[in-house]
Amino acid sequence: MQRRDFLKLSTALGAASALPWWGRAFAAERPALPIPAVLEPDESGVIQLIAQPGQMHWRRQPTHSWGYNGNLLGPTLRARQGQAVRICVSNRLAETSTVHWHGLEVPGTADGGPQASIPPGKQWRAAFRIEQPAATCWYHPHTHGQTGHQVAMGLAGLFILDDEESLRLPLPQRWGLDDIPLVLQDKRLDGQDQLDYQLDVLSAAVGWFGDLMLTNGVEYPSHAAPRGWLRLRLLNGCNARSLTLAASDGRALYVIGSDGGLLAEPVVLSELALLPGERFEVMVDARNGKPFDLISLPVRQMGMTLAPFDAALPVLRIQPSLIEGKGRLPDTLARLSALPEWQGLPSRTLTLSMDPELDRQGMQALMSRYGHAAMAGMSMDHGSAEAGMTMGAMKGAQGDAGGMAGMDHGDMVMPAGEMQHGTMAGMQGTMAGMQGGKGSAKPLDLHSGNRINGQPFAMNDPQFAVKLGQTERWIISGEGDMMLHPFHIHGTRFRILSENGQPVAPHRAGWKDIVNVEGGRSEVLVRFDHPAPRERAYMAHCHLLEHEDTGMMVSFTVEA
């Protein structure tokens, strides 16, 4: 063994002893973090993207999967501000699919919504110009009623936008070395090690979730990184699960960017929550050479508190190498304009709701399948103490369900007033109906179980028209529905005025395309600079994919 190799090995062995309990095995025992390569255009200048079946090895038996240009997930697409992009998507799957460019401000004809279907064996071509600034975006299917299934099978990839200003910053820029893409997803496998996906009353109510955590398609990988500042491009690619990330040794996370681009200046956090579909760019300081893990903190989301997410779960080991880092954390990042005066602007309200029958059946299915473990660890004080009821009180109330005003799907609060969301009486009535054929439960249309403004999604019926270039204030209301709704709007980046009635957090005050709606009212300022005709209307929807697939989506046009 050469001296330099011996020194590297000694350093790695010494560093391994400093890892938390779950990471004390020698680093070579962990799989290397896969880095999605940047896909270059072909000789004619077209990016060729192919949706195809594949195979992964997560457990004993091979698992059937789908991917773009590979077995799972897809290559990284990359473009600069001002660049004309041409993409050809070929569908080699046995079912219809689509591809949506999530976060890109492009015309409705190129957006890739559910109307832009690609039948098996066919192609779809999209052409557009990148006009927005640097951002970490992504692409994924948007097939009507099938988005959750197709994403669960593995269809997703990153779309990175660059601009001159961001490239001049001293940020880490070596792709896959100190500029590190991280696609975080949970999966569930059945007894034959195949992806276990069903769109049923349980998933339509709370979303599809699993017990296998993957980072870039691999369980708890390791990444050998330079000894310096690291840039993590984080995507929560889960169908429904929110994640809260932290460093295992408590080192700071410096948030430098959100969905729609860089912030004005770094925001330091000890932990970072990501809703499904959200992206954040984070810098971490690895100059001390000590290894650490990126971990997911215990989950408190309805139905998703089951093992292994009931405890801190490592998603990535970062092992600093002897290579010196080159980037650094700047004091300022991007120019972020002040919010415009919004009083007097046109406004519209989108109210999110769930069919009470789906709510009752979904909650009964959750309790029947997982019991109280699915509720463990969740906060009892979503609102005020006076408005809440403890789990102990809930158990006591099961014999007197009539006194319960409603069940909170977020933190198990028992709210008063008009809340009728998931009552225990309804759960008992549904249980009786399912067990004995009795009860007054009405038939449930699963694909219309979730709604916006009282209506389920109608593919060919846009609900309103927005004026091109006009700033509007949108109010997205989850009042009366305590479920989590990460709400996404196509064709734009927006600024958040408030989230659930609260002031927006500093790291969420930049450009976004997803806003948190959970039992309250969230307000955003939106403007659309590209047209979207009736036949290729934009979408606005909950990005909990099973809510989207069962009706919580609305289409709208943008007209001059």
Protein backbone atom coordinates (compact mmCIF):
# COMPACT_ATOMS: atom_id res chain seq x y z
CA MET A 1 0.00 0.00 0.00
CA GLN A 2 1.35 3.40 -0.96
CA ARG A 3 1.81 5.99 1.78
CA ARG A 4 -0.89 8.34 0.42
CA ASP A 5 -3.40 5.48 0.26
CA PHE A 6 -2.55 4.49 3.82
CA LEU A 7 -3.12 8.05 5.00
CA LYS A 8 -6.51 8.22 3.27
CA LEU A 9 -7.56 4.90 4.80
CA SER A 10 -6.42 5.96 8.27
CA THR A 11 -8.36 9.20 7.97
CA ALA A 12 -11.53 7.35 6.94
CA LEU A 13 -11.22 4.84 9.77
CA GLY A 14 -10.67 7.56 12.33
CA ALA A 15 -13.60 9.58 11.03
CA ALA A 16 -15.96 6.60 11.14
CA SER A 17 -15.66 6.44 14.93
CA ALA A 18 -17.15 9.93 15.16
CA LEU A 19 -20.37 8.99 13.38
CA PRO A 20 -23.67 8.49 15.26
CA TRP A 21 -24.70 5.00 16.34
CA TRP A 22 -26.32 4.07 13.04
CA GLY A 23 -23.27 5.05 11.01
CA ARG A 24 -20.36 3.49 12.84
CA ALA A 25 -19.77 0.85 10.19
CA PHE A 26 -16.86 1.52 7.88
CA ALA A 27 -17.88 3.92 5.13
CA ALA A 28 -17.27 1.38 2.37
CA GLU A 29 -20.20 -0.67 3.70
CA ARG A 30 -22.62 2.01 2.56
CA PRO A 31 -23.49 2.30 -1.14
CA ALA A 32 -22.15 5.35 -2.91
CA LEU A 33 -24.61 8.14 -3.58
CA PRO A 34 -25.70 7.90 -7.23
CA ILE A 35 -25.37 11.22 -9.06
CA PRO A 36 -27.86 11.82 -11.90
CA ALA A 37 -25.73 12.80 -14.90
CA VAL A 38 -26.56 15.91 -16.89
CA LEU A 39 -28.30 14.90 -20.14
CA GLU A 40 -26.86 16.76 -23.12
CA PRO A 41 -28.85 17.49 -26.31
CA ASP A 42 -28.31 15.25 -29.32
CA GLU A 43 -26.60 16.40 -32.54
CA SER A 44 -29.78 18.18 -33.63
CA GLY A 45 -29.99 20.10 -30.35
CA VAL A 46 -32.87 18.09 -28.89
CA ILE A 47 -32.88 16.56 -25.40
CA GLN A 48 -34.09 12.97 -25.74
CA LEU A 49 -36.01 11.76 -22.67
CA ILE A 50 -37.37 8.21 -22.58
CA ALA A 51 -39.90 6.89 -20.03
CA GLN A 52 -39.13 3.19 -19.72
CA PRO A 53 -39.51 0.16 -17.44
CA GLY A 54 -36.57 -0.89 -15.29
CA GLN A 55 -35.52 -2.95 -12.31
CA MET A 56 -34.05 -2.17 -8.89
CA HIS A 57 -32.57 -4.35 -6.13
CA TRP A 58 -33.70 -3.02 -2.76
CA ARG A 59 -34.55 -6.30 -1.04
CA ARG A 60 -34.25 -10.01 -1.87
CA GLN A 61 -36.10 -10.02 -5.19
CA PRO A 62 -35.68 -7.57 -8.09
CA THR A 63 -38.28 -4.80 -7.99
CA HIS A 64 -39.98 -3.65 -11.18
CA SER A 65 -39.55 0.10 -11.55
CA TRP A 66 -39.84 2.91 -14.06
CA GLY A 67 -37.35 5.60 -14.96
CA TYR A 68 -36.33 8.15 -17.55
CA ASN A 69 -33.40 6.87 -19.64
CA GLY A 70 -32.69 4.30 -16.93
CA ASN A 71 -34.09 2.04 -14.23
CA LEU A 72 -35.27 4.68 -11.76
CA LEU A 73 -35.60 8.46 -11.63
CA GLY A 74 -34.00 10.31 -14.53
CA PRO A 75 -31.02 12.31 -15.73
CA THR A 76 -30.52 15.93 -14.76
CA LEU A 77 -31.72 18.47 -17.33
CA ARG A 78 -29.85 21.77 -17.27
CA ALA A 79 -30.35 25.07 -19.08
CA ARG A 80 -29.32 28.72 -18.78
CA GLN A 81 -31.46 31.81 -18.66
CA GLY A 82 -32.12 32.93 -22.23
CA GLN A 83 -31.55 29.46 -23.70
CA ALA A 84 -34.01 27.87 -26.13
CA VAL A 85 -34.82 24.31 -25.05
CA ARG A 86 -36.23 21.52 -27.19
CA ILE A 87 -37.20 18.20 -25.59
CA CYS A 88 -38.59 15.01 -27.12
CA VAL A 89 -40.24 12.65 -24.64
CA SER A 90 -40.73 9.07 -25.81
CA ASN A 91 -43.07 6.76 -23.92
CA ARG A 92 -41.91 3.13 -23.82
CA LEU A 93 -44.25 2.23 -20.96
CA ALA A 94 -47.39 0.15 -21.36
CA GLU A 95 -49.62 3.04 -20.26
CA THR A 96 -50.18 6.69 -21.08
CA SER A 97 -48.01 9.23 -19.29
CA THR A 98 -47.12 12.92 -19.37
CA VAL A 99 -44.14 15.03 -18.27
CA HIS A 100 -44.60 18.30 -16.37
CA TRP A 101 -41.72 20.74 -15.91
CA HIS A 102 -42.36 21.60 -12.28
CA GLY A 103 -41.18 25.11 -11.44
CA LEU A 104 -40.57 26.28 -15.01
CA GLU A 105 -42.35 29.39 -16.26
CA VAL A 106 -43.32 28.20 -19.74
CA PRO A 107 -46.46 28.54 -21.89
CA GLY A 108 -49.34 26.20 -21.20
CA THR A 109 -48.67 24.44 -24.52
CA ALA A 110 -45.27 23.32 -23.17
CA ASP A 111 -46.15 22.88 -19.48
CA GLY A 112 -46.90 19.16 -19.69
CA GLY A 113 -50.12 19.07 -17.73
CA PRO A 114 -52.59 16.17 -17.80
CA GLN A 115 -53.95 17.24 -21.22
CA ALA A 116 -50.53 16.65 -22.87
CA SER A 117 -50.85 12.88 -22.74
CA ILE A 118 -48.31 10.59 -24.39
CA PRO A 119 -49.81 7.20 -25.33
CA PRO A 120 -47.61 4.09 -25.24
CA GLY A 121 -45.15 4.06 -28.12
CA LYS A 122 -45.70 7.75 -28.91
CA GLN A 123 -43.70 10.96 -28.48
CA TRP A 124 -44.37 14.47 -27.24
CA ARG A 125 -42.21 17.44 -28.18
CA ALA A 126 -41.90 20.57 -26.08
CA ALA A 127 -40.08 23.77 -27.00
CA PHE A 128 -39.63 26.82 -24.80
CA ARG A 129 -37.17 29.52 -23.78
CA ILE A 130 -35.81 29.83 -20.24
CA GLU A 131 -36.56 33.37 -19.08
CA GLN A 132 -36.50 32.99 -15.31
CA PRO A 133 -33.41 33.16 -13.05
CA ALA A 134 -31.42 30.26 -11.59
CA ALA A 135 -33.43 27.66 -9.67
CA THR A 136 -33.61 23.99 -8.77
CA CYS A 137 -36.70 22.64 -10.53
CA TRP A 138 -37.79 19.12 -11.43
CA TYR A 139 -39.88 17.08 -13.84
CA HIS A 140 -42.39 14.31 -13.24
CA PRO A 141 -45.58 12.75 -14.68
CA HIS A 142 -48.87 14.60 -14.44
CA THR A 143 -51.18 11.91 -15.81
CA HIS A 144 -54.78 12.43 -14.77
CA GLY A 145 -55.63 10.03 -11.94
CA GLN A 146 -52.27 8.26 -12.26
CA THR A 147 -49.67 10.79 -11.12
CA GLY A 148 -49.18 9.19 -7.71
CA HIS A 149 -48.70 5.72 -9.16
CA GLN A 150 -46.26 6.83 -11.85
CA VAL A 151 -44.13 8.88 -9.45
CA ALA A 152 -44.14 5.98 -6.98
CA MET A 153 -42.86 3.71 -9.76
CA GLY A 154 -39.85 5.99 -10.15
CA LEU A 155 -40.56 8.70 -12.74
CA ALA A 156 -38.92 11.97 -11.63
CA GLY A 157 -35.79 13.99 -12.29
CA LEU A 158 -34.13 17.34 -11.62
CA PHE A 159 -34.19 20.34 -13.97
CA ILE A 160 -31.47 22.86 -13.02
CA LEU A 161 -31.61 26.46 -14.24
CA ASP A 162 -28.53 28.70 -14.25
CA ASP A 163 -28.00 32.40 -14.87
CA GLU A 164 -24.98 34.67 -15.13
CA GLU A 165 -25.41 36.18 -11.69
CA SER A 166 -25.58 32.84 -9.89
CA LEU A 167 -22.58 31.49 -11.78
CA ARG A 168 -20.53 34.49 -10.64
CA LEU A 169 -21.21 33.71 -6.98
CA PRO A 170 -18.54 31.72 -5.09
CA LEU A 171 -20.98 28.86 -4.46
CA PRO A 172 -19.85 25.24 -4.89
CA GLN A 173 -20.41 24.36 -8.55
CA ARG A 174 -18.77 20.96 -9.12
CA TRP A 175 -21.77 18.80 -9.97
CA GLY A 176 -21.93 15.63 -7.92
CA LEU A 177 -18.87 16.56 -5.85
CA ASP A 178 -19.64 19.67 -3.78
CA ASP A 179 -22.86 20.62 -5.65
CA ILE A 180 -24.88 17.60 -4.57
CA PRO A 181 -28.39 16.68 -5.85
CA LEU A 182 -30.56 14.81 -3.33
CA VAL A 183 -33.93 13.36 -4.36
CA LEU A 184 -35.65 12.06 -1.21
CA GLN A 185 -38.49 9.55 -1.52
CA ASP A 186 -40.22 6.90 0.55
CA LYS A 187 -41.43 3.62 -0.96
CA ARG A 188 -43.43 0.62 0.19
CA LEU A 189 -42.79 -2.92 -1.05
CA ASP A 190 -45.11 -5.92 -0.83
CA GLY A 191 -44.26 -9.51 0.13
CA GLN A 192 -42.83 -10.13 -3.33
CA ASP A 193 -40.59 -7.02 -3.08
CA GLN A 194 -42.67 -5.14 -5.65
CA LEU A 195 -43.84 -1.55 -5.25
CA ASP A 196 -47.07 -1.78 -3.26
CA TYR A 197 -49.22 1.03 -4.63
CA GLN A 198 -52.98 1.32 -4.39
CA LEU A 199 -55.18 4.34 -4.81
CA ASP A 200 -57.81 3.45 -2.20
CA VAL A 201 -59.73 5.24 0.52
CA LEU A 202 -56.69 5.26 2.80
CA SER A 203 -54.26 6.75 0.29
CA ALA A 204 -56.90 9.12 -1.11
CA ALA A 205 -57.42 10.48 2.40
CA VAL A 206 -53.89 10.68 3.84
CA GLY A 207 -51.64 9.90 0.86
CA TRP A 208 -49.44 6.97 -0.13
CA PHE A 209 -46.50 6.38 2.17
CA GLY A 210 -43.89 3.71 2.75
CA ASP A 211 -41.27 2.41 5.17
CA LEU A 212 -38.28 2.42 2.81
CA MET A 213 -36.41 5.74 2.63
CA LEU A 214 -34.36 6.37 -0.51
CA THR A 215 -31.89 9.07 -1.46
CA ASN A 216 -31.35 9.20 -5.23
CA GLY A 217 -32.90 5.74 -5.33
CA VAL A 218 -30.58 4.19 -2.72
CA GLU A 219 -31.13 3.44 0.96
CA TYR A 220 -28.83 5.53 3.20
CA PRO A 221 -25.94 6.08 0.78
CA SER A 222 -22.56 7.66 1.49
CA HIS A 223 -20.95 10.56 -0.34
CA ALA A 224 -17.24 11.39 -0.33
CA ALA A 225 -17.23 15.17 -0.41
CA PRO A 226 -14.48 17.79 -0.43
CA ARG A 227 -13.40 19.25 2.88
CA GLY A 228 -15.14 22.59 2.60
CA TRP A 229 -18.53 24.16 1.97
CA LEU A 230 -21.08 21.82 0.38
CA ARG A 231 -24.19 22.77 -1.57
CA LEU A 232 -27.12 20.36 -1.16
CA ARG A 233 -29.97 20.62 -3.68
CA LEU A 234 -32.85 19.01 -1.78
CA LEU A 235 -36.04 17.73 -3.39
CA ASN A 236 -38.79 16.12 -1.38
CA GLY A 237 -39.95 13.72 -4.08
CA CYS A 238 -42.30 11.78 -1.78
CA ASN A 239 -45.89 11.29 -2.86
CA ALA A 240 -47.29 12.55 0.42
CA ARG A 241 -44.75 12.53 3.24
CA SER A 242 -43.30 15.75 4.62
CA LEU A 243 -39.72 15.59 5.84
CA THR A 244 -37.78 17.61 8.39
CA LEU A 245 -34.03 17.44 7.85
CA ALA A 246 -31.11 18.18 10.16
CA ALA A 247 -27.43 17.33 10.55
CA SER A 248 -26.74 14.47 12.95
CA ASP A 249 -24.13 16.49 14.85
CA GLY A 250 -26.24 19.63 15.03
CA ARG A 251 -24.22 21.70 12.57
CA ALA A 252 -26.08 24.57 10.97
CA LEU A 253 -28.00 24.42 7.71
CA TYR A 254 -27.65 27.62 5.66
CA VAL A 255 -30.63 27.91 3.33
CA ILE A 256 -29.62 29.78 0.16
CA GLY A 257 -32.52 29.00 -2.18
CA SER A 258 -36.12 27.81 -2.36
CA ASP A 259 -38.39 26.48 -5.14
CA GLY A 260 -38.09 29.47 -7.44
CA GLY A 261 -34.50 30.57 -6.95
CA LEU A 262 -31.85 31.97 -4.65
CA LEU A 263 -32.72 33.99 -1.57
CA ALA A 264 -31.43 37.51 -0.97
CA GLU A 265 -29.11 36.21 1.75
CA PRO A 266 -28.48 32.92 3.58
CA VAL A 267 -30.88 31.93 6.38
CA VAL A 268 -29.39 29.76 9.12
CA LEU A 269 -31.53 26.93 10.54
CA SER A 270 -30.99 23.94 12.78
CA GLU A 271 -33.67 21.94 10.94
CA LEU A 272 -35.52 22.34 7.65
CA ALA A 273 -39.01 21.12 6.79
CA LEU A 274 -39.77 20.16 3.20
CA LEU A 275 -43.28 19.59 1.92
CA PRO A 276 -43.86 17.09 -0.91
CA GLY A 277 -42.63 18.67 -4.14
CA GLU A 278 -40.61 21.41 -2.42
CA ARG A 279 -36.98 22.15 -3.16
CA PHE A 280 -34.43 23.98 -1.04
CA GLU A 281 -30.77 24.66 -1.62
CA VAL A 282 -28.73 24.35 1.56
CA MET A 283 -25.07 24.97 2.36
CA VAL A 284 -23.28 23.00 5.08
CA ASP A 285 -19.79 23.62 6.41
CA ALA A 286 -17.60 20.51 6.19
CA ARG A 287 -14.26 22.31 6.58
CA ASN A 288 -13.51 20.52 9.87
CA GLY A 289 -13.29 17.20 8.01
CA LYS A 290 -15.62 15.40 10.43
CA PRO A 291 -18.20 13.04 8.92
CA PHE A 292 -21.88 13.50 9.65
CA ASP A 293 -25.27 12.29 8.52
CA LEU A 294 -28.16 14.16 7.03
CA ILE A 295 -31.12 12.84 9.00
CA SER A 296 -34.89 12.94 8.79
CA LEU A 297 -36.31 13.91 12.19
CA PRO A 298 -39.31 12.00 13.62
CA VAL A 299 -42.39 12.52 11.46
CA ARG A 300 -45.56 13.95 13.04
CA GLN A 301 -47.79 13.83 9.97
CA MET A 302 -51.11 12.02 10.07
CA GLY A 303 -50.68 8.29 9.36
CA MET A 304 -46.95 8.57 8.75
CA THR A 305 -45.53 8.25 12.25
CA LEU A 306 -44.85 4.54 11.81
CA ALA A 307 -41.37 3.00 11.97
CA PRO A 308 -38.79 3.84 10.84
CA PHE A 309 -40.08 7.42 10.61
CA ASP A 310 -41.00 7.53 14.31
CA ALA A 311 -37.33 8.19 15.12
CA ALA A 312 -34.40 10.02 13.58
CA LEU A 313 -33.61 8.30 10.29
CA PRO A 314 -30.34 8.79 8.37
CA VAL A 315 -30.79 9.58 4.69
CA LEU A 316 -27.18 10.36 3.68
CA ARG A 317 -23.70 9.97 5.17
CA ILE A 318 -21.30 12.75 4.21
CA GLN A 319 -17.66 11.69 4.51
CA PRO A 320 -15.27 14.61 3.91
CA SER A 321 -12.21 13.57 1.92
CA LEU A 322 -8.73 15.02 1.71
CA ILE A 323 -9.75 17.11 -1.31
CA GLU A 324 -9.97 20.78 -0.43
CA GLY A 325 -13.23 22.57 -1.11
CA LYS A 326 -13.40 25.49 -3.51
CA GLY A 327 -16.68 27.27 -2.82
CA ARG A 328 -17.74 29.43 0.09
CA LEU A 329 -20.88 30.92 1.59
CA PRO A 330 -21.43 34.48 0.34
CA ASP A 331 -23.10 37.15 2.46
CA THR A 332 -25.54 38.09 -0.30
CA LEU A 333 -27.03 35.93 -3.03
CA ALA A 334 -29.65 37.36 -5.38
CA ARG A 335 -31.59 40.56 -5.81
CA LEU A 336 -35.05 40.00 -4.39
CA SER A 337 -37.50 42.78 -5.12
CA ALA A 338 -39.75 44.12 -2.39
CA LEU A 339 -43.31 42.87 -2.35
CA PRO A 340 -45.60 45.10 -4.42
CA GLU A 341 -48.48 46.91 -2.82
CA TRP A 342 -51.17 44.24 -2.91
CA GLN A 343 -54.18 45.99 -1.43
CA GLY A 344 -56.64 46.55 -4.24
CA LEU A 345 -55.21 43.87 -6.50
CA PRO A 346 -57.61 41.37 -8.08
CA SER A 347 -58.05 38.40 -5.77
CA ARG A 348 -59.55 34.95 -5.92
CA THR A 349 -60.13 32.26 -3.30
CA LEU A 350 -59.56 28.53 -3.69
CA THR A 351 -61.12 26.46 -0.90
CA LEU A 352 -59.79 22.93 -0.40
CA SER A 353 -62.04 20.21 0.99
CA MET A 354 -62.53 16.47 1.30
CA ASP A 355 -65.75 14.53 0.88
CA PRO A 356 -66.83 13.64 4.45
CA GLU A 357 -67.47 10.07 3.34
CA LEU A 358 -63.89 9.71 2.07
CA ASP A 359 -62.70 11.27 5.30
CA ARG A 360 -64.64 8.78 7.42
CA GLN A 361 -63.68 5.74 5.40
CA GLY A 362 -60.05 6.83 5.11
CA MET A 363 -59.67 7.35 8.84
CA GLN A 364 -61.37 4.04 9.60
CA ALA A 365 -59.01 2.29 7.17
CA LEU A 366 -55.98 3.98 8.76
CA MET A 367 -56.96 2.92 12.28
CA SER A 368 -57.94 -0.57 11.12
CA ARG A 369 -54.63 -1.15 9.33
CA TYR A 370 -52.18 0.54 11.68
CA GLY A 371 -54.00 1.26 14.96
CA HIS A 372 -52.98 4.09 17.26
CA ALA A 373 -49.34 3.75 16.16
CA ALA A 374 -50.28 5.81 13.11
CA MET A 375 -51.15 8.70 15.44
CA ALA A 376 -48.22 8.45 17.84
CA GLY A 377 -46.00 11.46 18.47
CA MET A 378 -48.31 14.04 16.91
CA SER A 379 -48.87 17.38 18.59
CA MET A 380 -52.05 17.89 20.56
CA ASP A 381 -51.98 21.67 20.27
CA HIS A 382 -52.38 22.55 16.61
CA GLY A 383 -54.58 25.43 17.66
CA SER A 384 -55.16 26.71 21.17
CA ALA A 385 -55.23 24.50 24.24
CA GLU A 386 -58.93 25.26 24.69
CA ALA A 387 -59.71 24.06 21.16
CA GLY A 388 -57.86 20.75 21.49
CA MET A 389 -58.51 17.33 22.92
CA THR A 390 -55.79 14.94 24.09
CA MET A 391 -55.46 11.39 22.80
CA GLY A 392 -56.49 10.16 26.24
CA ALA A 393 -59.65 12.21 26.03
CA MET A 394 -60.21 10.87 22.53
CA LYS A 395 -60.09 7.29 23.79
CA GLY A 396 -62.55 8.18 26.49
CA ALA A 397 -64.81 9.82 23.95
CA GLN A 398 -65.03 6.75 21.72
CA GLY A 399 -67.93 5.55 23.83
CA ASP A 400 -69.66 8.91 23.43
CA ALA A 401 -68.87 9.88 19.87
CA GLY A 402 -71.75 12.28 19.60
CA GLY A 403 -69.92 14.80 21.75
CA MET A 404 -67.01 15.11 19.32
CA ALA A 405 -67.11 18.07 16.95
CA GLY A 406 -64.47 16.75 14.56
CA MET A 407 -61.21 14.95 14.09
CA ASP A 408 -58.14 16.88 12.98
CA HIS A 409 -56.20 15.12 10.27
CA GLY A 410 -53.07 17.11 11.02
CA ASP A 411 -52.41 17.05 14.76
CA MET A 412 -55.51 15.31 16.12
CA VAL A 413 -57.10 18.50 17.44
CA MET A 414 -60.81 18.41 18.20
CA PRO A 415 -61.90 21.82 16.80
CA ALA A 416 -65.20 23.46 17.50
CA GLY A 417 -67.56 25.38 15.26
CA GLU A 418 -68.25 24.22 11.72
CA MET A 419 -65.44 21.67 11.52
CA GLN A 420 -66.89 18.31 10.51
CA HIS A 421 -63.68 16.68 9.37
CA GLY A 422 -63.47 12.99 10.18
CA THR A 423 -65.78 12.60 13.16
CA MET A 424 -65.52 9.53 15.32
CA ALA A 425 -69.26 9.09 14.89
CA GLY A 426 -68.72 8.94 11.16
CA MET A 427 -65.89 6.47 11.61
CA GLN A 428 -68.09 4.22 13.73
CA GLY A 429 -70.93 4.48 11.22
CA THR A 430 -68.57 3.59 8.38
CA MET A 431 -67.16 0.68 10.38
CA ALA A 432 -70.63 -0.64 11.04
CA GLY A 433 -71.54 -0.33 7.39
CA MET A 434 -68.39 -2.12 6.27
CA GLN A 435 -68.76 -4.90 8.81
CA GLY A 436 -72.46 -5.58 8.69
CA GLY A 437 -73.78 -3.92 5.59
CA LYS A 438 -75.70 -1.44 7.74
CA GLY A 439 -75.40 2.28 8.24
CA SER A 440 -76.28 5.25 6.10
CA ALA A 441 -72.94 5.81 4.37
CA LYS A 442 -73.53 7.14 0.88
CA PRO A 443 -71.65 5.69 -2.12
CA LEU A 444 -68.22 7.20 -2.54
CA ASP A 445 -66.76 8.26 -5.89
CA LEU A 446 -63.07 7.96 -5.03
CA HIS A 447 -61.86 10.08 -7.93
CA SER A 448 -64.10 12.96 -6.82
CA GLY A 449 -63.31 12.62 -3.12
CA ASN A 450 -61.15 15.76 -2.92
CA ARG A 451 -62.26 19.14 -4.24
CA ILE A 452 -61.51 22.80 -4.83
CA ASN A 453 -64.38 25.27 -4.35
CA GLY A 454 -66.68 22.30 -3.87
CA GLN A 455 -65.90 20.76 -7.28
CA PRO A 456 -63.61 17.88 -8.26
CA PHE A 457 -61.20 18.37 -11.15
CA ALA A 458 -62.75 18.54 -14.61
CA MET A 459 -60.13 18.05 -17.32
CA ASN A 460 -61.87 20.00 -20.10
CA ASP A 461 -63.55 22.70 -18.03
CA PRO A 462 -61.19 25.52 -16.92
CA GLN A 463 -62.73 27.26 -13.92
CA PHE A 464 -61.47 30.80 -14.50
CA ALA A 465 -59.30 33.02 -16.68
CA VAL A 466 -56.33 35.10 -15.50
CA LYS A 467 -55.15 38.20 -17.35
CA LEU A 468 -51.65 37.89 -18.80
CA GLY A 469 -49.12 39.96 -16.82
CA GLN A 470 -51.61 40.93 -14.09
CA THR A 471 -50.53 40.41 -10.47
CA GLU A 472 -53.24 38.79 -8.36
CA ARG A 473 -53.64 37.82 -4.73
CA TRP A 474 -54.70 34.22 -4.34
CA ILE A 475 -56.15 32.99 -1.07
CA ILE A 476 -55.88 29.21 -0.64
CA SER A 477 -58.06 28.11 2.23
CA GLY A 478 -57.87 24.85 4.15
CA GLU A 479 -60.21 26.10 6.86
CA GLY A 480 -62.43 23.27 7.96
CA ASP A 481 -59.96 20.70 6.62
CA MET A 482 -56.95 20.04 8.85
CA MET A 483 -55.14 17.81 6.36
CA LEU A 484 -51.79 18.91 4.97
CA HIS A 485 -52.07 20.44 1.50
CA PRO A 486 -48.80 21.49 -0.18
CA PHE A 487 -50.40 23.67 -2.84
CA HIS A 488 -48.69 24.10 -6.23
CA ILE A 489 -49.50 26.52 -9.06
CA HIS A 490 -48.29 25.89 -12.61
CA GLY A 491 -46.75 28.45 -14.93
CA THR A 492 -45.50 30.87 -12.29
CA ARG A 493 -43.30 31.56 -9.32
CA PHE A 494 -44.99 33.39 -6.48
CA ARG A 495 -44.27 35.21 -3.25
CA ILE A 496 -45.99 34.12 -0.05
CA LEU A 497 -47.81 36.79 1.96
CA SER A 498 -48.83 34.46 4.80
CA GLU A 499 -49.00 30.72 5.51
CA ASN A 500 -51.89 29.36 7.56
CA GLY A 501 -52.55 32.86 8.84
CA GLN A 502 -48.97 33.28 10.08
CA PRO A 503 -46.16 35.53 8.81
CA VAL A 504 -43.95 33.77 6.28
CA ALA A 505 -40.67 32.35 7.62
CA PRO A 506 -37.54 34.08 6.25
CA HIS A 507 -36.35 31.02 4.31
CA ARG A 508 -39.79 30.78 2.66
CA ALA A 509 -40.01 34.47 1.77
CA GLY A 510 -38.28 34.14 -1.60
CA TRP A 511 -39.65 32.78 -4.87
CA LYS A 512 -41.82 29.69 -4.38
CA ASP A 513 -44.20 27.47 -6.31
CA ILE A 514 -45.57 25.48 -3.34
CA VAL A 515 -47.27 26.97 -0.29
CA ASN A 516 -48.26 25.21 2.91
CA VAL A 517 -52.02 25.02 3.55
CA GLU A 518 -52.95 23.13 6.71
CA GLY A 519 -56.16 24.10 8.42
CA GLY A 520 -55.82 27.81 7.72
CA ARG A 521 -55.61 30.42 4.97
CA SER A 522 -52.45 31.02 2.97
CA GLU A 523 -52.06 33.98 0.64
CA VAL A 524 -49.70 34.35 -2.32
CA LEU A 525 -49.01 36.96 -4.99
CA VAL A 526 -49.00 35.44 -8.47
CA ARG A 527 -48.40 36.73 -11.99
CA PHE A 528 -48.43 34.79 -15.24
CA ASP A 529 -46.22 35.97 -18.09
CA HIS A 530 -47.08 33.21 -20.57
CA PRO A 531 -50.43 32.32 -22.16
CA ALA A 532 -52.28 29.11 -21.39
CA PRO A 533 -55.15 28.38 -23.81
CA ARG A 534 -58.19 26.33 -22.92
CA GLU A 535 -56.86 23.13 -24.48
CA ARG A 536 -53.58 23.48 -22.54
CA ALA A 537 -54.74 25.24 -19.41
CA TYR A 538 -52.51 25.57 -16.34
CA MET A 539 -53.20 23.58 -13.16
CA ALA A 540 -53.36 24.56 -9.50
CA HIS A 541 -53.53 21.63 -7.10
CA CYS A 542 -52.54 19.93 -3.89
CA HIS A 543 -49.13 18.29 -4.37
CA LEU A 544 -50.03 15.48 -2.04
CA LEU A 545 -50.33 13.37 -5.17
CA GLU A 546 -53.23 11.19 -4.09
CA HIS A 547 -55.26 14.31 -3.30
CA GLU A 548 -54.46 15.60 -6.79
CA ASP A 549 -55.43 12.28 -8.36
CA THR A 550 -58.78 12.26 -6.56
CA GLY A 551 -59.97 15.70 -7.56
CA MET A 552 -58.12 18.43 -5.61
CA MET A 553 -57.03 20.25 -8.75
CA VAL A 554 -58.41 23.10 -10.82
CA SER A 555 -57.48 24.29 -14.32
CA PHE A 556 -57.41 27.88 -15.52
CA THR A 557 -56.47 29.83 -18.64
CA VAL A 558 -54.16 32.82 -19.04
CA GLU A 559 -55.28 35.29 -21.69
CA ALA A 560 -54.09 38.65 -22.99
